[in-house]
Amino acid sequence: MSRTDILTEIKKAEADADAMVAKAEEDKKSAIAEARRDSVKKIQDAEAQMRSSYESAIASEKEALNSKRDAMLADGKTIANGIGSNSQAKMQEVKDFLNKEIERTLNVTS
C-alpha cells in the first residue's frame, strides 16, 4: 500500500468519524428535545389529573354540605312548626286565664 492510499484511507476514516460524531450530536439533540416534550406532557397530564381530582372532591363536598343543609332546614322547620302550634295552645290558655281573672274580679266587685 502506497502512502497516497494510506492517506486516502485516513481521510476517509476521518470523514466517517466526523459523520458519526455529527449524527451522534443530532441524535443527542433529538433525544433531548423528545425528553423535554415528554416531560412537559407528563407535567400537563399530572396537572390535569390533579385539577380533576380537586374538582371532583369539591363537588362531592358541596353535595354533602347541601344534603346536610337540607336536613338541618327540615329539622328547623319541624321545630318551628312545633313552637308555632305550642304557642297557639298557650295563647288559648292565656286567654282563658285572663277571662277567668276578669270574671272573678267582676264577681268580687258586684
PDB file of N, CA and C in Angstrom:
ATOM      1  N   MET A   1       0.844  -1.152   0.000  1.00  0.00           N
ATOM      2  CA  MET A   1       0.000   0.000   0.000  1.00  0.00           C
ATOM      3  C   MET A   1       0.902   1.232   0.000  1.00  0.00           C
ATOM      4  N   SER A   2       0.513   2.123  -0.860  1.00  0.00           N
ATOM      5  CA  SER A   2       1.334   3.319  -1.002  1.00  0.00           C
ATOM      6  C   SER A   2       0.900   4.390  -0.005  1.00  0.00           C
ATOM      7  N   ARG A   3       1.756   5.354   0.111  1.00  0.00           N
ATOM      8  CA  ARG A   3       1.497   6.452   1.048  1.00  0.00           C
ATOM      9  C   ARG A   3       0.203   7.177   0.679  1.00  0.00           C
ATOM     10  N   THR A   4      -0.079   7.341  -0.563  1.00  0.00           N
ATOM     11  CA  THR A   4      -1.292   8.014  -1.028  1.00  0.00           C
ATOM     12  C   THR A   4      -2.523   7.209  -0.634  1.00  0.00           C
ATOM     13  N   ASP A   5      -2.449   5.901  -0.778  1.00  0.00           N
ATOM     14  CA  ASP A   5      -3.586   5.051  -0.392  1.00  0.00           C
ATOM     15  C   ASP A   5      -3.846   5.136   1.115  1.00  0.00           C
ATOM     16  N   ILE A   6      -2.757   5.154   1.856  1.00  0.00           N
ATOM     17  CA  ILE A   6      -2.894   5.228   3.322  1.00  0.00           C
ATOM     18  C   ILE A   6      -3.528   6.567   3.710  1.00  0.00           C
ATOM     19  N   LEU A   7      -3.034   7.651   3.109  1.00  0.00           N
ATOM     20  CA  LEU A   7      -3.604   8.977   3.407  1.00  0.00           C
ATOM     21  C   LEU A   7      -5.065   9.058   2.981  1.00  0.00           C
ATOM     22  N   THR A   8      -5.401   8.455   1.868  1.00  0.00           N
ATOM     23  CA  THR A   8      -6.789   8.439   1.408  1.00  0.00           C
ATOM     24  C   THR A   8      -7.668   7.690   2.400  1.00  0.00           C
ATOM     25  N   GLU A   9      -7.186   6.553   2.889  1.00  0.00           N
ATOM     26  CA  GLU A   9      -7.958   5.785   3.876  1.00  0.00           C
ATOM     27  C   GLU A   9      -8.102   6.548   5.195  1.00  0.00           C
ATOM     28  N   ILE A  10      -7.021   7.234   5.572  1.00  0.00           N
ATOM     29  CA  ILE A  10      -7.090   8.034   6.811  1.00  0.00           C
ATOM     30  C   ILE A  10      -8.117   9.139   6.648  1.00  0.00           C
ATOM     31  N   LYS A  11      -8.096   9.826   5.519  1.00  0.00           N
ATOM     32  CA  LYS A  11      -9.081  10.899   5.269  1.00  0.00           C
ATOM     33  C   LYS A  11     -10.494  10.342   5.240  1.00  0.00           C
ATOM     34  N   LYS A  12     -10.634   9.170   4.619  1.00  0.00           N
ATOM     35  CA  LYS A  12     -11.962   8.540   4.578  1.00  0.00           C
ATOM     36  C   LYS A  12     -12.408   8.174   5.987  1.00  0.00           C
ATOM     37  N   ALA A  13     -11.512   7.640   6.802  1.00  0.00           N
ATOM     38  CA  ALA A  13     -11.845   7.265   8.182  1.00  0.00           C
ATOM     39  C   ALA A  13     -12.199   8.502   9.000  1.00  0.00           C
ATOM     40  N   GLU A  14     -11.430   9.597   8.772  1.00  0.00           N
ATOM     41  CA  GLU A  14     -11.739  10.849   9.477  1.00  0.00           C
ATOM     42  C   GLU A  14     -13.110  11.380   9.060  1.00  0.00           C
ATOM     43  N   ALA A  15     -13.404  11.320   7.764  1.00  0.00           N
ATOM     44  CA  ALA A  15     -14.707  11.779   7.263  1.00  0.00           C
ATOM     45  C   ALA A  15     -15.825  10.920   7.854  1.00  0.00           C
ATOM     46  N   ASP A  16     -15.600   9.612   7.902  1.00  0.00           N
ATOM     47  CA  ASP A  16     -16.599   8.716   8.508  1.00  0.00           C
ATOM     48  C   ASP A  16     -16.774   9.034   9.993  1.00  0.00           C
ATOM     49  N   ALA A  17     -15.656   9.278  10.681  1.00  0.00           N
ATOM     50  CA  ALA A  17     -15.728   9.607  12.110  1.00  0.00           C
ATOM     51  C   ALA A  17     -16.461  10.921  12.313  1.00  0.00           C
ATOM     52  N   ASP A  18     -16.164  11.932  11.471  1.00  0.00           N
ATOM     53  CA  ASP A  18     -16.863  13.223  11.569  1.00  0.00           C
ATOM     54  C   ASP A  18     -18.358  13.050  11.316  1.00  0.00           C
ATOM     55  N   ALA A  19     -18.692  12.213  10.346  1.00  0.00           N
ATOM     56  CA  ALA A  19     -20.112  11.954  10.050  1.00  0.00           C
ATOM     57  C   ALA A  19     -20.781  11.274  11.233  1.00  0.00           C
ATOM     58  N   MET A  20     -20.056  10.309  11.854  1.00  0.00           N
ATOM     59  CA  MET A  20     -20.622   9.620  13.031  1.00  0.00           C
ATOM     60  C   MET A  20     -20.818  10.584  14.192  1.00  0.00           C
ATOM     61  N   VAL A  21     -19.846  11.492  14.416  1.00  0.00           N
ATOM     62  CA  VAL A  21     -19.958  12.476  15.502  1.00  0.00           C
ATOM     63  C   VAL A  21     -21.128  13.408  15.228  1.00  0.00           C
ATOM     64  N   ALA A  22     -21.264  13.864  13.973  1.00  0.00           N
ATOM     65  CA  ALA A  22     -22.374  14.760  13.621  1.00  0.00           C
ATOM     66  C   ALA A  22     -23.714  14.058  13.822  1.00  0.00           C
ATOM     67  N   LYS A  23     -23.793  12.788  13.406  1.00  0.00           N
ATOM     68  CA  LYS A  23     -25.040  12.038  13.597  1.00  0.00           C
ATOM     69  C   LYS A  23     -25.324  11.838  15.072  1.00  0.00           C
ATOM     70  N   ALA A  24     -24.279  11.560  15.844  1.00  0.00           N
ATOM     71  CA  ALA A  24     -24.469  11.368  17.285  1.00  0.00           C
ATOM     72  C   ALA A  24     -24.944  12.666  17.937  1.00  0.00           C
ATOM     73  N   GLU A  25     -24.381  13.797  17.539  1.00  0.00           N
ATOM     74  CA  GLU A  25     -24.823  15.102  18.070  1.00  0.00           C
ATOM     75  C   GLU A  25     -26.281  15.357  17.696  1.00  0.00           C
ATOM     76  N   GLU A  26     -26.634  15.050  16.458  1.00  0.00           N
ATOM     77  CA  GLU A  26     -28.019  15.227  16.010  1.00  0.00           C
ATOM     78  C   GLU A  26     -28.958  14.311  16.793  1.00  0.00           C
ATOM     79  N   ASP A  27     -28.554  13.061  16.990  1.00  0.00           N
ATOM     80  CA  ASP A  27     -29.371  12.117  17.774  1.00  0.00           C
ATOM     81  C   ASP A  27     -29.516  12.589  19.211  1.00  0.00           C
ATOM     82  N   LYS A  28     -28.415  13.143  19.773  1.00  0.00           N
ATOM     83  CA  LYS A  28     -28.455  13.642  21.148  1.00  0.00           C
ATOM     84  C   LYS A  28     -29.447  14.791  21.271  1.00  0.00           C
ATOM     85  N   LYS A  29     -29.368  15.750  20.321  1.00  0.00           N
ATOM     86  CA  LYS A  29     -30.291  16.887  20.339  1.00  0.00           C
ATOM     87  C   LYS A  29     -31.730  16.415  20.188  1.00  0.00           C
ATOM     88  N   SER A  30     -31.932  15.461  19.305  1.00  0.00           N
ATOM     89  CA  SER A  30     -33.274  14.919  19.082  1.00  0.00           C
ATOM     90  C   SER A  30     -33.802  14.228  20.345  1.00  0.00           C
ATOM     91  N   ALA A  31     -32.934  13.458  20.999  1.00  0.00           N
ATOM     92  CA  ALA A  31     -33.345  12.747  22.215  1.00  0.00           C
ATOM     93  C   ALA A  31     -33.666  13.727  23.336  1.00  0.00           C
ATOM     94  N   ILE A  32     -32.858  14.785  23.459  1.00  0.00           N
ATOM     95  CA  ILE A  32     -33.112  15.801  24.497  1.00  0.00           C
ATOM     96  C   ILE A  32     -34.434  16.508  24.222  1.00  0.00           C
ATOM     97  N   ALA A  33     -34.683  16.866  22.981  1.00  0.00           N
ATOM     98  CA  ALA A  33     -35.938  17.545  22.631  1.00  0.00           C
ATOM     99  C   ALA A  33     -37.128  16.644  22.912  1.00  0.00           C
ATOM    100  N   GLU A  34     -37.008  15.377  22.570  1.00  0.00           N
ATOM    101  CA  GLU A  34     -38.111  14.438  22.828  1.00  0.00           C
ATOM    102  C   GLU A  34     -38.337  14.254  24.325  1.00  0.00           C
ATOM    103  N   ALA A  35     -37.249  14.187  25.080  1.00  0.00           N
ATOM    104  CA  ALA A  35     -37.380  14.048  26.536  1.00  0.00           C
ATOM    105  C   ALA A  35     -38.055  15.272  27.138  1.00  0.00           C
ATOM    106  N   ARG A  36     -37.707  16.444  26.639  1.00  0.00           N
ATOM    107  CA  ARG A  36     -38.357  17.669  27.128  1.00  0.00           C
ATOM    108  C   ARG A  36     -39.844  17.651  26.803  1.00  0.00           C
ATOM    109  N   ARG A  37     -40.194  17.259  25.566  1.00  0.00           N
ATOM    110  CA  ARG A  37     -41.613  17.190  25.187  1.00  0.00           C
ATOM    111  C   ARG A  37     -42.357  16.196  26.079  1.00  0.00           C
ATOM    112  N   ASP A  38     -41.727  15.050  26.317  1.00  0.00           N
ATOM    113  CA  ASP A  38     -42.363  14.035  27.172  1.00  0.00           C
ATOM    114  C   ASP A  38     -42.547  14.545  28.594  1.00  0.00           C
ATOM    115  N   SER A  39     -41.540  15.230  29.116  1.00  0.00           N
ATOM    116  CA  SER A  39     -41.655  15.717  30.489  1.00  0.00           C
ATOM    117  C   SER A  39     -42.724  16.794  30.593  1.00  0.00           C
ATOM    118  N   VAL A  40     -42.820  17.675  29.596  1.00  0.00           N
ATOM    119  CA  VAL A  40     -43.867  18.699  29.600  1.00  0.00           C
ATOM    120  C   VAL A  40     -45.235  18.041  29.528  1.00  0.00           C
ATOM    121  N   LYS A  41     -45.369  17.014  28.687  1.00  0.00           N
ATOM    122  CA  LYS A  41     -46.651  16.309  28.570  1.00  0.00           C
ATOM    123  C   LYS A  41     -47.011  15.630  29.889  1.00  0.00           C
ATOM    124  N   LYS A  42     -46.022  14.998  30.530  1.00  0.00           N
ATOM    125  CA  LYS A  42     -46.301  14.336  31.811  1.00  0.00           C
ATOM    126  C   LYS A  42     -46.718  15.347  32.868  1.00  0.00           C
ATOM    127  N   ILE A  43     -46.057  16.496  32.885  1.00  0.00           N
ATOM    128  CA  ILE A  43     -46.424  17.543  33.851  1.00  0.00           C
ATOM    129  C   ILE A  43     -47.836  18.030  33.578  1.00  0.00           C
ATOM    130  N   GLN A  44     -48.160  18.271  32.307  1.00  0.00           N
ATOM    131  CA  GLN A  44     -49.507  18.729  31.963  1.00  0.00           C
ATOM    132  C   GLN A  44     -50.556  17.682  32.315  1.00  0.00           C
ATOM    133  N   ASP A  45     -50.253  16.422  32.058  1.00  0.00           N
ATOM    134  CA  ASP A  45     -51.191  15.350  32.405  1.00  0.00           C
ATOM    135  C   ASP A  45     -51.391  15.269  33.923  1.00  0.00           C
ATOM    136  N   ALA A  46     -50.304  15.411  34.668  1.00  0.00           N
ATOM    137  CA  ALA A  46     -50.407  15.362  36.129  1.00  0.00           C
ATOM    138  C   ALA A  46     -51.222  16.538  36.655  1.00  0.00           C
ATOM    139  N   GLU A  47     -51.004  17.729  36.079  1.00  0.00           N
ATOM    140  CA  GLU A  47     -51.781  18.893  36.495  1.00  0.00           C
ATOM    141  C   GLU A  47     -53.255  18.718  36.159  1.00  0.00           C
ATOM    142  N   ALA A  48     -53.552  18.164  34.989  1.00  0.00           N
ATOM    143  CA  ALA A  48     -54.948  17.926  34.612  1.00  0.00           C
ATOM    144  C   ALA A  48     -55.590  16.913  35.549  1.00  0.00           C
ATOM    145  N   GLN A  49     -54.853  15.864  35.895  1.00  0.00           N
ATOM    146  CA  GLN A  49     -55.371  14.859  36.833  1.00  0.00           C
ATOM    147  C   GLN A  49     -55.624  15.487  38.203  1.00  0.00           C
ATOM    148  N   MET A  50     -54.682  16.324  38.658  1.00  0.00           N
ATOM    149  CA  MET A  50     -54.829  16.986  39.953  1.00  0.00           C
ATOM    150  C   MET A  50     -56.051  17.904  39.937  1.00  0.00           C
ATOM    151  N   ARG A  51     -56.210  18.672  38.841  1.00  0.00           N
ATOM    152  CA  ARG A  51     -57.369  19.552  38.737  1.00  0.00           C
ATOM    153  C   ARG A  51     -58.667  18.755  38.762  1.00  0.00           C
ATOM    154  N   SER A  52     -58.673  17.648  38.057  1.00  0.00           N
ATOM    155  CA  SER A  52     -59.860  16.794  38.013  1.00  0.00           C
ATOM    156  C   SER A  52     -60.179  16.240  39.400  1.00  0.00           C
ATOM    157  N   SER A  53     -59.169  15.773  40.103  1.00  0.00           N
ATOM    158  CA  SER A  53     -59.372  15.253  41.460  1.00  0.00           C
ATOM    159  C   SER A  53     -59.892  16.347  42.378  1.00  0.00           C
ATOM    160  N   TYR A  54     -59.299  17.515  42.267  1.00  0.00           N
ATOM    161  CA  TYR A  54     -59.702  18.657  43.100  1.00  0.00           C
ATOM    162  C   TYR A  54     -61.161  19.014  42.842  1.00  0.00           C
ATOM    163  N   GLU A  55     -61.520  19.109  41.565  1.00  0.00           N
ATOM    164  CA  GLU A  55     -62.893  19.488  41.229  1.00  0.00           C
ATOM    165  C   GLU A  55     -63.896  18.427  41.674  1.00  0.00           C
ATOM    166  N   SER A  56     -63.551  17.150  41.538  1.00  0.00           N
ATOM    167  CA  SER A  56     -64.489  16.115  41.974  1.00  0.00           C
ATOM    168  C   SER A  56     -64.607  16.100  43.493  1.00  0.00           C
ATOM    169  N   ALA A  57     -63.496  16.363  44.206  1.00  0.00           N
ATOM    170  CA  ALA A  57     -63.557  16.425  45.672  1.00  0.00           C
ATOM    171  C   ALA A  57     -64.415  17.604  46.113  1.00  0.00           C
ATOM    172  N   ILE A  58     -64.254  18.740  45.466  1.00  0.00           N
ATOM    173  CA  ILE A  58     -65.057  19.923  45.790  1.00  0.00           C
ATOM    174  C   ILE A  58     -66.538  19.638  45.518  1.00  0.00           C
ATOM    175  N   ALA A  59     -66.823  19.013  44.403  1.00  0.00           N
ATOM    176  CA  ALA A  59     -68.220  18.715  44.049  1.00  0.00           C
ATOM    177  C   ALA A  59     -68.844  17.766  45.063  1.00  0.00           C
ATOM    178  N   SER A  60     -68.111  16.732  45.482  1.00  0.00           N
ATOM    179  CA  SER A  60     -68.675  15.789  46.445  1.00  0.00           C
ATOM    180  C   SER A  60     -68.883  16.458  47.809  1.00  0.00           C
ATOM    181  N   GLU A  61     -67.950  17.339  48.205  1.00  0.00           N
ATOM    182  CA  GLU A  61     -68.121  18.055  49.476  1.00  0.00           C
ATOM    183  C   GLU A  61     -69.304  19.009  49.410  1.00  0.00           C
ATOM    184  N   LYS A  62     -69.482  19.681  48.261  1.00  0.00           N
ATOM    185  CA  LYS A  62     -70.639  20.568  48.105  1.00  0.00           C
ATOM    186  C   LYS A  62     -71.932  19.772  48.216  1.00  0.00           C
ATOM    187  N   GLU A  63     -71.944  18.592  47.603  1.00  0.00           N
ATOM    188  CA  GLU A  63     -73.131  17.736  47.654  1.00  0.00           C
ATOM    189  C   GLU A  63     -73.430  17.323  49.094  1.00  0.00           C
ATOM    190  N   ALA A  64     -72.379  16.947  49.824  1.00  0.00           N
ATOM    191  CA  ALA A  64     -72.563  16.539  51.223  1.00  0.00           C
ATOM    192  C   ALA A  64     -73.065  17.714  52.053  1.00  0.00           C
ATOM    193  N   LEU A  65     -72.494  18.895  51.841  1.00  0.00           N
ATOM    194  CA  LEU A  65     -72.933  20.079  52.587  1.00  0.00           C
ATOM    195  C   LEU A  65     -74.371  20.451  52.236  1.00  0.00           C
ATOM    196  N   ASN A  66     -74.743  20.317  50.969  1.00  0.00           N
ATOM    197  CA  ASN A  66     -76.121  20.627  50.571  1.00  0.00           C
ATOM    198  C   ASN A  66     -77.111  19.676  51.238  1.00  0.00           C
ATOM    199  N   SER A  67     -76.776  18.390  51.288  1.00  0.00           N
ATOM    200  CA  SER A  67     -77.699  17.446  51.925  1.00  0.00           C
ATOM    201  C   SER A  67     -77.771  17.706  53.427  1.00  0.00           C
ATOM    202  N   LYS A  68     -76.650  18.045  54.035  1.00  0.00           N
ATOM    203  CA  LYS A  68     -76.647  18.365  55.473  1.00  0.00           C
ATOM    204  C   LYS A  68     -77.468  19.631  55.733  1.00  0.00           C
ATOM    205  N   ARG A  69     -77.310  20.631  54.858  1.00  0.00           N
ATOM    206  CA  ARG A  69     -78.082  21.869  54.998  1.00  0.00           C
ATOM    207  C   ARG A  69     -79.575  21.579  54.874  1.00  0.00           C
ATOM    208  N   ASP A  70     -79.947  20.754  53.882  1.00  0.00           N
ATOM    209  CA  ASP A  70     -81.365  20.415  53.695  1.00  0.00           C
ATOM    210  C   ASP A  70     -81.923  19.696  54.917  1.00  0.00           C
ATOM    211  N   ALA A  71     -81.135  18.796  55.499  1.00  0.00           N
ATOM    212  CA  ALA A  71     -81.583  18.083  56.692  1.00  0.00           C
ATOM    213  C   ALA A  71     -81.760  19.047  57.856  1.00  0.00           C
ATOM    214  N   MET A  72     -80.807  19.964  58.009  1.00  0.00           N
ATOM    215  CA  MET A  72     -80.913  20.935  59.108  1.00  0.00           C
ATOM    216  C   MET A  72     -82.104  21.866  58.912  1.00  0.00           C
ATOM    217  N   LEU A  73     -82.350  22.264  57.665  1.00  0.00           N
ATOM    218  CA  LEU A  73     -83.513  23.116  57.391  1.00  0.00           C
ATOM    219  C   LEU A  73     -84.814  22.375  57.702  1.00  0.00           C
ATOM    220  N   ALA A  74     -84.875  21.113  57.340  1.00  0.00           N
ATOM    221  CA  ALA A  74     -86.084  20.326  57.626  1.00  0.00           C
ATOM    222  C   ALA A  74     -86.293  20.209  59.134  1.00  0.00           C
ATOM    223  N   ASP A  75     -85.197  19.961  59.876  1.00  0.00           N
ATOM    224  CA  ASP A  75     -85.314  19.891  61.335  1.00  0.00           C
ATOM    225  C   ASP A  75     -85.766  21.228  61.910  1.00  0.00           C
ATOM    226  N   GLY A  76     -85.203  22.312  61.396  1.00  0.00           N
ATOM    227  CA  GLY A  76     -85.576  23.650  61.867  1.00  0.00           C
ATOM    228  C   GLY A  76     -87.038  23.953  61.592  1.00  0.00           C
ATOM    229  N   LYS A  77     -87.525  23.556  60.416  1.00  0.00           N
ATOM    230  CA  LYS A  77     -88.942  23.780  60.099  1.00  0.00           C
ATOM    231  C   LYS A  77     -89.844  22.968  61.019  1.00  0.00           C
ATOM    232  N   THR A  78     -89.429  21.746  61.316  1.00  0.00           N
ATOM    233  CA  THR A  78     -90.211  20.909  62.226  1.00  0.00           C
ATOM    234  C   THR A  78     -90.279  21.553  63.605  1.00  0.00           C
ATOM    235  N   ILE A  79     -89.139  22.024  64.080  1.00  0.00           N
ATOM    236  CA  ILE A  79     -89.092  22.676  65.400  1.00  0.00           C
ATOM    237  C   ILE A  79     -89.923  23.952  65.381  1.00  0.00           C
ATOM    238  N   ALA A  80     -89.812  24.752  64.321  1.00  0.00           N
ATOM    239  CA  ALA A  80     -90.582  25.996  64.223  1.00  0.00           C
ATOM    240  C   ALA A  80     -92.079  25.710  64.195  1.00  0.00           C
ATOM    241  N   ASN A  81     -92.483  24.667  63.456  1.00  0.00           N
ATOM    242  CA  ASN A  81     -93.907  24.318  63.435  1.00  0.00           C
ATOM    243  C   ASN A  81     -94.379  23.872  64.812  1.00  0.00           C
ATOM    244  N   GLY A  82     -93.539  23.125  65.505  1.00  0.00           N
ATOM    245  CA  GLY A  82     -93.886  22.698  66.868  1.00  0.00           C
ATOM    246  C   GLY A  82     -94.035  23.885  67.799  1.00  0.00           C
ATOM    247  N   ILE A  83     -93.131  24.835  67.694  1.00  0.00           N
ATOM    248  CA  ILE A  83     -93.213  26.037  68.529  1.00  0.00           C
ATOM    249  C   ILE A  83     -94.460  26.827  68.187  1.00  0.00           C
ATOM    250  N   GLY A  84     -94.767  26.924  66.892  1.00  0.00           N
ATOM    251  CA  GLY A  84     -95.961  27.659  66.469  1.00  0.00           C
ATOM    252  C   GLY A  84     -97.233  27.028  67.020  1.00  0.00           C
ATOM    253  N   SER A  85     -97.360  25.713  66.907  1.00  0.00           N
ATOM    254  CA  SER A  85     -98.572  25.065  67.415  1.00  0.00           C
ATOM    255  C   SER A  85     -98.614  25.113  68.939  1.00  0.00           C
ATOM    256  N   ASN A  86     -97.451  24.999  69.568  1.00  0.00           N
ATOM    257  CA  ASN A  86     -97.377  25.088  71.024  1.00  0.00           C
ATOM    258  C   ASN A  86     -97.777  26.481  71.497  1.00  0.00           C
ATOM    259  N   SER A  87     -97.344  27.497  70.759  1.00  0.00           N
ATOM    260  CA  SER A  87     -97.697  28.863  71.154  1.00  0.00           C
ATOM    261  C   SER A  87     -99.191  29.116  70.985  1.00  0.00           C
ATOM    262  N   GLN A  88     -99.805  28.505  69.971  1.00  0.00           N
ATOM    263  CA  GLN A  88    -101.252  28.649  69.790  1.00  0.00           C
ATOM    264  C   GLN A  88    -102.001  28.061  70.984  1.00  0.00           C
ATOM    265  N   ALA A  89    -101.542  26.903  71.439  1.00  0.00           N
ATOM    266  CA  ALA A  89    -102.175  26.279  72.606  1.00  0.00           C
ATOM    267  C   ALA A  89    -101.969  27.150  73.839  1.00  0.00           C
ATOM    268  N   LYS A  90    -100.790  27.684  74.020  1.00  0.00           N
ATOM    269  CA  LYS A  90    -100.508  28.545  75.168  1.00  0.00           C
ATOM    270  C   LYS A  90    -101.332  29.829  75.102  1.00  0.00           C
ATOM    271  N   MET A  91    -101.509  30.372  73.891  1.00  0.00           N
ATOM    272  CA  MET A  91    -102.301  31.601  73.751  1.00  0.00           C
ATOM    273  C   MET A  91    -103.742  31.352  74.204  1.00  0.00           C
ATOM    274  N   GLN A  92    -104.265  30.188  73.862  1.00  0.00           N
ATOM    275  CA  GLN A  92    -105.632  29.881  74.291  1.00  0.00           C
ATOM    276  C   GLN A  92    -105.691  29.768  75.814  1.00  0.00           C
ATOM    277  N   GLU A  93    -104.665  29.156  76.432  1.00  0.00           N
ATOM    278  CA  GLU A  93    -104.621  29.065  77.898  1.00  0.00           C
ATOM    279  C   GLU A  93    -104.561  30.449  78.520  1.00  0.00           C
ATOM    280  N   VAL A  94    -103.770  31.337  77.944  1.00  0.00           N
ATOM    281  CA  VAL A  94    -103.643  32.701  78.467  1.00  0.00           C
ATOM    282  C   VAL A  94    -104.975  33.421  78.342  1.00  0.00           C
ATOM    283  N   LYS A  95    -105.657  33.280  77.209  1.00  0.00           N
ATOM    284  CA  LYS A  95    -106.964  33.924  77.031  1.00  0.00           C
ATOM    285  C   LYS A  95    -107.967  33.405  78.062  1.00  0.00           C
ATOM    286  N   ASP A  96    -107.981  32.092  78.248  1.00  0.00           N
ATOM    287  CA  ASP A  96    -108.897  31.509  79.225  1.00  0.00           C
ATOM    288  C   ASP A  96    -108.571  32.009  80.630  1.00  0.00           C
ATOM    289  N   PHE A  97    -107.278  32.069  80.978  1.00  0.00           N
ATOM    290  CA  PHE A  97    -106.872  32.550  82.304  1.00  0.00           C
ATOM    291  C   PHE A  97    -107.287  34.004  82.506  1.00  0.00           C
ATOM    292  N   LEU A  98    -107.039  34.847  81.487  1.00  0.00           N
ATOM    293  CA  LEU A  98    -107.409  36.261  81.609  1.00  0.00           C
ATOM    294  C   LEU A  98    -108.927  36.426  81.723  1.00  0.00           C
ATOM    295  N   ASN A  99    -109.671  35.667  80.950  1.00  0.00           N
ATOM    296  CA  ASN A  99    -111.136  35.742  81.041  1.00  0.00           C
ATOM    297  C   ASN A  99    -111.610  35.342  82.433  1.00  0.00           C
ATOM    298  N   LYS A 100    -111.043  34.283  83.006  1.00  0.00           N
ATOM    299  CA  LYS A 100    -111.435  33.853  84.355  1.00  0.00           C
ATOM    300  C   LYS A 100    -111.069  34.898  85.391  1.00  0.00           C
ATOM    301  N   GLU A 101    -109.892  35.500  85.240  1.00  0.00           N
ATOM    302  CA  GLU A 101    -109.466  36.524  86.197  1.00  0.00           C
ATOM    303  C   GLU A 101    -110.362  37.749  86.107  1.00  0.00           C
ATOM    304  N   ILE A 102    -110.706  38.136  84.895  1.00  0.00           N
ATOM    305  CA  ILE A 102    -111.604  39.300  84.744  1.00  0.00           C
ATOM    306  C   ILE A 102    -112.980  38.966  85.324  1.00  0.00           C
ATOM    307  N   GLU A 103    -113.478  37.775  85.028  1.00  0.00           N
ATOM    308  CA  GLU A 103    -114.774  37.371  85.571  1.00  0.00           C
ATOM    309  C   GLU A 103    -114.730  37.324  87.083  1.00  0.00           C
ATOM    310  N   ARG A 104    -113.656  36.820  87.673  1.00  0.00           N
ATOM    311  CA  ARG A 104    -113.529  36.741  89.122  1.00  0.00           C
ATOM    312  C   ARG A 104    -113.492  38.158  89.717  1.00  0.00           C
ATOM    313  N   THR A 105    -112.747  39.043  89.046  1.00  0.00           N
ATOM    314  CA  THR A 105    -112.686  40.413  89.536  1.00  0.00           C
ATOM    315  C   THR A 105    -114.051  41.050  89.449  1.00  0.00           C
ATOM    316  N   LEU A 106    -114.777  40.829  88.382  1.00  0.00           N
ATOM    317  CA  LEU A 106    -116.116  41.402  88.242  1.00  0.00           C
ATOM    318  C   LEU A 106    -117.087  40.790  89.251  1.00  0.00           C
ATOM    319  N   ASN A 107    -116.950  39.508  89.529  1.00  0.00           N
ATOM    320  CA  ASN A 107    -117.817  38.850  90.506  1.00  0.00           C
ATOM    321  C   ASN A 107    -117.532  39.350  91.900  1.00  0.00           C
ATOM    322  N   VAL A 108    -116.352  39.665  92.227  1.00  0.00           N
ATOM    323  CA  VAL A 108    -115.985  40.146  93.553  1.00  0.00           C
ATOM    324  C   VAL A 108    -116.537  41.529  93.762  1.00  0.00           C
ATOM    325  N   THR A 109    -116.453  42.366  92.765  1.00  0.00           N
ATOM    326  CA  THR A 109    -116.919  43.739  92.921  1.00  0.00           C
ATOM    327  C   THR A 109    -118.422  43.843  92.852  1.00  0.00           C
ATOM    328  N   SER A 110    -119.116  42.906  92.341  1.00  0.00           N
ATOM    329  CA  SER A 110    -120.558  43.062  92.217  1.00  0.00           C
ATOM    330  C   SER A 110    -121.319  42.570  93.382  1.00  0.00           C
TER     331      SER A 110
END
